[in-house]
Amino acid sequence: MDTRQQEFPIDLGPKTTPHPAPYTSSIIALLYDVVPNEGVFLDPFGGIGGITTYIPNIIAGELMAKWAIRGCQLQHDALRLPFATNSLDGIVTSPTYGNRMGDHGDYNIDSDRRSYQSFYGEDLPNTNTGRYNWGAQYQLLHTLAWIECTRVVKPGGLFYLNISDHIRNGQVIPVSDWHIETLKSLMWEQVGTFRIETPRFKKGANHEARVDHESLIIFRLL
């Protein structure tokens, strides 16, 4: 019997170390439909582990202790996964997008400058992708994480990537295309793409020119 819940509320978590970027309800609903019920999948950027409430065969791992303790099964670094080679059936994850949520500063979590650091309440370590805007360090850390994900997944395994572009200086930053090409270079074949209109953060420097959708991109490991 499938015991997963059928409603998908958005949950930032309680005020004690909430997370600024949970999966939206429409993304959770889509993942619920497309992720197989069997097999073991990993979310290496698990945040507070909300996805496991609805899809229990996903293991959520998180680097930051105060988020991991909220709901993830594991505290780990996505660059050094605690799994044997070819041991998992796939990846389900939503990495950071390289947008202004990677800003630094002592911002109040209710302000117009929402960031990973402000929600966590402490400086983030250098290996946390939420510390970086789009650029070389963001790309390096995600490349290393995708290499590690590729190592732990069985041949033929699946990768469900929830990602979004964003606006900088009036231009769309092609974050999604970068992730697609990086995964393809690691022998992941793109087998499906969904475009999902989602509610975007309505404040901040670029609130009048938001990208109006996120993507769910599905890959299979060759």
Protein backbone atom coordinates (compact mmCIF):
# COMPACT_ATOMS: atom_id res chain seq x y z
CA MET A 1 0.00 0.00 0.00
CA ASP A 2 1.24 3.48 -0.89
CA THR A 3 1.26 5.43 2.38
CA ARG A 4 2.53 8.75 1.00
CA GLN A 5 0.41 11.79 1.75
CA GLN A 6 -1.70 13.29 -1.01
CA GLU A 7 -1.49 16.98 -0.08
CA PHE A 8 1.66 19.03 -0.49
CA PRO A 9 1.79 22.19 1.64
CA ILE A 10 4.79 24.51 1.47
CA ASP A 11 6.63 24.54 4.81
CA LEU A 12 9.43 26.92 5.72
CA GLY A 13 9.63 25.21 9.10
CA PRO A 14 9.25 26.73 12.55
CA LYS A 15 11.07 29.93 13.45
CA THR A 16 13.85 27.88 15.04
CA THR A 17 16.27 27.68 12.10
CA PRO A 18 13.76 27.67 9.24
CA HIS A 19 14.92 26.99 5.70
CA PRO A 20 14.52 29.71 3.03
CA ALA A 21 14.07 27.42 0.00
CA PRO A 22 11.79 24.40 0.54
CA TYR A 23 10.39 22.52 -2.41
CA THR A 24 7.21 24.23 -3.60
CA SER A 25 3.99 22.23 -3.40
CA SER A 26 3.75 21.87 -7.19
CA ILE A 27 7.29 20.46 -7.40
CA ILE A 28 6.57 17.99 -4.60
CA ALA A 29 3.38 16.88 -6.34
CA LEU A 30 5.26 16.31 -9.60
CA LEU A 31 8.05 14.39 -7.88
CA TYR A 32 5.43 12.30 -6.13
CA ASP A 33 4.11 11.29 -9.55
CA VAL A 34 7.40 10.59 -11.34
CA VAL A 35 9.83 9.19 -8.75
CA PRO A 36 9.55 5.38 -8.56
CA ASN A 37 8.08 3.91 -5.38
CA GLU A 38 10.83 1.30 -5.26
CA GLY A 39 14.56 1.80 -4.85
CA VAL A 40 16.60 4.16 -2.70
CA PHE A 41 17.10 7.76 -3.80
CA LEU A 42 19.24 10.47 -2.23
CA ASP A 43 18.72 14.20 -1.85
CA PRO A 44 22.29 15.37 -1.15
CA PHE A 45 21.12 18.96 -0.53
CA GLY A 46 18.29 17.94 1.78
CA GLY A 47 17.71 21.14 3.78
CA ILE A 48 15.21 20.23 6.49
CA GLY A 49 14.21 17.01 4.75
CA GLY A 50 10.65 17.96 3.84
CA ILE A 51 10.60 15.82 0.69
CA THR A 52 10.88 12.63 2.77
CA THR A 53 7.46 13.30 4.28
CA TYR A 54 5.87 12.62 0.91
CA ILE A 55 8.36 10.25 -0.75
CA PRO A 56 9.77 8.03 2.00
CA ASN A 57 12.23 6.14 -0.22
CA ILE A 58 14.30 9.33 -0.51
CA ILE A 59 17.16 9.72 1.97
CA ALA A 60 17.79 13.38 2.79
CA GLY A 61 21.29 14.47 3.72
CA GLU A 62 22.32 17.97 4.75
CA LEU A 63 25.65 19.63 5.56
CA MET A 64 24.40 22.16 8.13
CA ALA A 65 23.77 20.63 11.54
CA LYS A 66 20.82 22.79 12.62
CA TRP A 67 18.96 21.99 9.40
CA ALA A 68 19.97 18.34 9.37
CA ILE A 69 18.70 17.78 12.89
CA ARG A 70 15.31 19.19 11.88
CA GLY A 71 14.42 16.34 9.53
CA CYS A 72 17.26 14.81 7.51
CA GLN A 73 18.34 11.25 8.04
CA LEU A 74 22.00 12.15 7.55
CA GLN A 75 24.34 15.02 8.16
CA HIS A 76 26.89 14.88 5.36
CA ASP A 77 28.87 16.92 2.88
CA ALA A 78 27.58 16.49 -0.69
CA LEU A 79 31.20 16.53 -1.85
CA ARG A 80 31.97 13.37 0.20
CA LEU A 81 28.90 11.16 0.25
CA PRO A 82 28.86 8.31 2.80
CA PHE A 83 27.69 5.69 0.29
CA ALA A 84 29.43 2.93 -1.60
CA THR A 85 30.01 3.23 -5.32
CA ASN A 86 26.98 2.14 -7.42
CA SER A 87 24.84 1.65 -4.31
CA LEU A 88 21.84 3.97 -4.90
CA ASP A 89 19.03 3.96 -7.44
CA GLY A 90 19.13 7.67 -8.08
CA ILE A 91 19.21 11.30 -6.98
CA VAL A 92 16.32 13.66 -6.26
CA THR A 93 17.51 17.14 -5.42
CA SER A 94 17.11 20.89 -5.69
CA PRO A 95 20.52 22.57 -5.46
CA THR A 96 21.01 26.25 -4.83
CA TYR A 97 20.26 28.45 -7.85
CA GLY A 98 23.19 30.87 -7.64
CA ASN A 99 20.89 33.84 -7.07
CA ARG A 100 20.86 36.55 -4.39
CA MET A 101 20.03 33.97 -1.74
CA GLY A 102 23.79 33.36 -1.73
CA ASP A 103 24.38 36.89 -0.42
CA HIS A 104 26.19 37.47 2.86
CA GLY A 105 25.16 39.79 5.64
CA ASP A 106 23.19 39.87 8.86
CA TYR A 107 19.77 40.04 7.22
CA ASN A 108 16.58 39.51 9.16
CA ILE A 109 14.69 36.46 7.85
CA ASP A 110 11.60 38.62 7.31
CA SER A 111 13.44 41.27 5.29
CA ASP A 112 13.62 41.83 1.53
CA ARG A 113 17.07 40.21 1.50
CA ARG A 114 16.28 36.56 2.12
CA SER A 115 19.45 34.43 2.12
CA TYR A 116 20.65 31.03 3.29
CA GLN A 117 22.99 32.70 5.76
CA SER A 118 20.30 34.90 7.29
CA PHE A 119 17.95 31.96 7.80
CA TYR A 120 20.70 29.81 9.29
CA GLY A 121 21.89 32.59 11.59
CA GLU A 122 25.60 31.87 11.18
CA ASP A 123 28.32 32.10 8.54
CA LEU A 124 28.16 29.17 6.14
CA PRO A 125 31.30 27.07 5.52
CA ASN A 126 33.23 27.38 2.27
CA THR A 127 31.89 24.06 0.97
CA ASN A 128 28.25 25.14 1.32
CA THR A 129 26.85 26.08 -2.10
CA GLY A 130 24.39 28.45 -0.43
CA ARG A 131 27.34 30.72 0.28
CA TYR A 132 27.82 31.62 -3.38
CA ASN A 133 26.13 33.60 -6.12
CA TRP A 134 26.45 32.42 -9.72
CA GLY A 135 30.11 32.18 -10.72
CA ALA A 136 33.22 30.03 -10.68
CA GLN A 137 32.98 28.80 -7.08
CA TYR A 138 29.29 27.94 -7.45
CA GLN A 139 30.08 25.96 -10.58
CA LEU A 140 33.09 24.20 -9.03
CA LEU A 141 31.20 23.01 -5.94
CA HIS A 142 28.24 21.73 -7.96
CA THR A 143 30.53 19.97 -10.41
CA LEU A 144 32.22 18.17 -7.51
CA ALA A 145 28.84 17.29 -6.01
CA TRP A 146 27.56 15.89 -9.32
CA ILE A 147 30.74 13.82 -9.71
CA GLU A 148 30.12 12.34 -6.28
CA CYS A 149 26.44 11.71 -7.05
CA THR A 150 27.48 9.93 -10.25
CA ARG A 151 29.83 7.71 -8.26
CA VAL A 152 27.18 6.44 -5.84
CA VAL A 153 24.38 5.79 -8.38
CA LYS A 154 23.98 2.46 -10.17
CA PRO A 155 24.27 2.39 -13.97
CA GLY A 156 20.83 3.11 -15.37
CA GLY A 157 19.91 5.10 -12.28
CA LEU A 158 17.82 8.27 -12.41
CA PHE A 159 18.54 11.88 -11.49
CA TYR A 160 15.66 14.30 -10.81
CA LEU A 161 16.98 17.88 -10.84
CA ASN A 162 14.79 20.78 -9.67
CA ILE A 163 16.52 23.96 -10.86
CA SER A 164 15.76 27.50 -11.98
CA ASP A 165 17.37 30.35 -13.86
CA HIS A 166 17.32 33.84 -12.39
CA ILE A 167 17.68 37.48 -13.41
CA ARG A 168 20.88 39.46 -12.89
CA ASN A 169 21.32 43.00 -14.20
CA GLY A 170 18.26 42.53 -16.39
CA GLN A 171 19.61 39.36 -18.02
CA VAL A 172 18.56 35.74 -17.58
CA ILE A 173 21.41 33.69 -16.11
CA PRO A 174 21.36 30.22 -17.78
CA VAL A 175 21.81 28.19 -14.59
CA SER A 176 19.62 25.33 -15.84
CA ASP A 177 21.58 24.91 -19.08
CA TRP A 178 24.84 24.85 -17.15
CA HIS A 179 23.61 22.02 -14.89
CA ILE A 180 22.28 20.09 -17.89
CA GLU A 181 25.56 20.30 -19.76
CA THR A 182 27.59 19.44 -16.66
CA LEU A 183 25.53 16.32 -15.98
CA LYS A 184 25.69 15.29 -19.63
CA SER A 185 29.49 15.53 -19.44
CA LEU A 186 29.33 13.00 -16.58
CA MET A 187 27.40 10.49 -18.72
CA TRP A 188 23.88 11.42 -17.67
CA GLU A 189 21.37 11.33 -20.53
CA GLN A 190 18.53 13.85 -20.41
CA VAL A 191 15.28 11.88 -20.70
CA GLY A 192 12.59 14.32 -19.58
CA THR A 193 11.92 17.99 -18.85
CA PHE A 194 9.04 19.66 -17.05
CA ARG A 195 8.44 23.40 -16.80
CA ILE A 196 6.49 24.32 -13.66
CA GLU A 197 5.14 27.78 -12.94
CA THR A 198 5.81 28.43 -9.26
CA PRO A 199 5.29 31.33 -6.85
CA ARG A 200 8.55 33.27 -6.73
CA PHE A 201 9.83 35.51 -3.94
CA LYS A 202 8.03 38.83 -4.49
CA LYS A 203 10.64 41.07 -2.86
CA GLY A 204 14.27 41.94 -3.42
CA ALA A 205 16.27 43.76 -6.08
CA ASN A 206 14.85 41.87 -9.06
CA HIS A 207 11.31 41.23 -7.87
CA GLU A 208 9.75 42.94 -10.90
CA ALA A 209 11.62 40.70 -13.37
CA ARG A 210 11.48 37.21 -11.91
CA VAL A 211 11.83 34.06 -14.00
CA ASP A 212 8.28 32.73 -13.74
CA HIS A 213 9.00 29.02 -13.57
CA GLU A 214 11.24 26.28 -12.26
CA SER A 215 12.27 23.15 -14.13
CA LEU A 216 12.33 19.49 -13.23
CA ILE A 217 14.86 17.78 -15.48
CA ILE A 218 15.22 13.99 -15.48
CA PHE A 219 18.39 12.13 -16.43
CA ARG A 220 19.43 8.50 -16.71
CA LEU A 221 22.99 7.36 -16.03
CA LEU A 222 24.51 5.67 -19.07
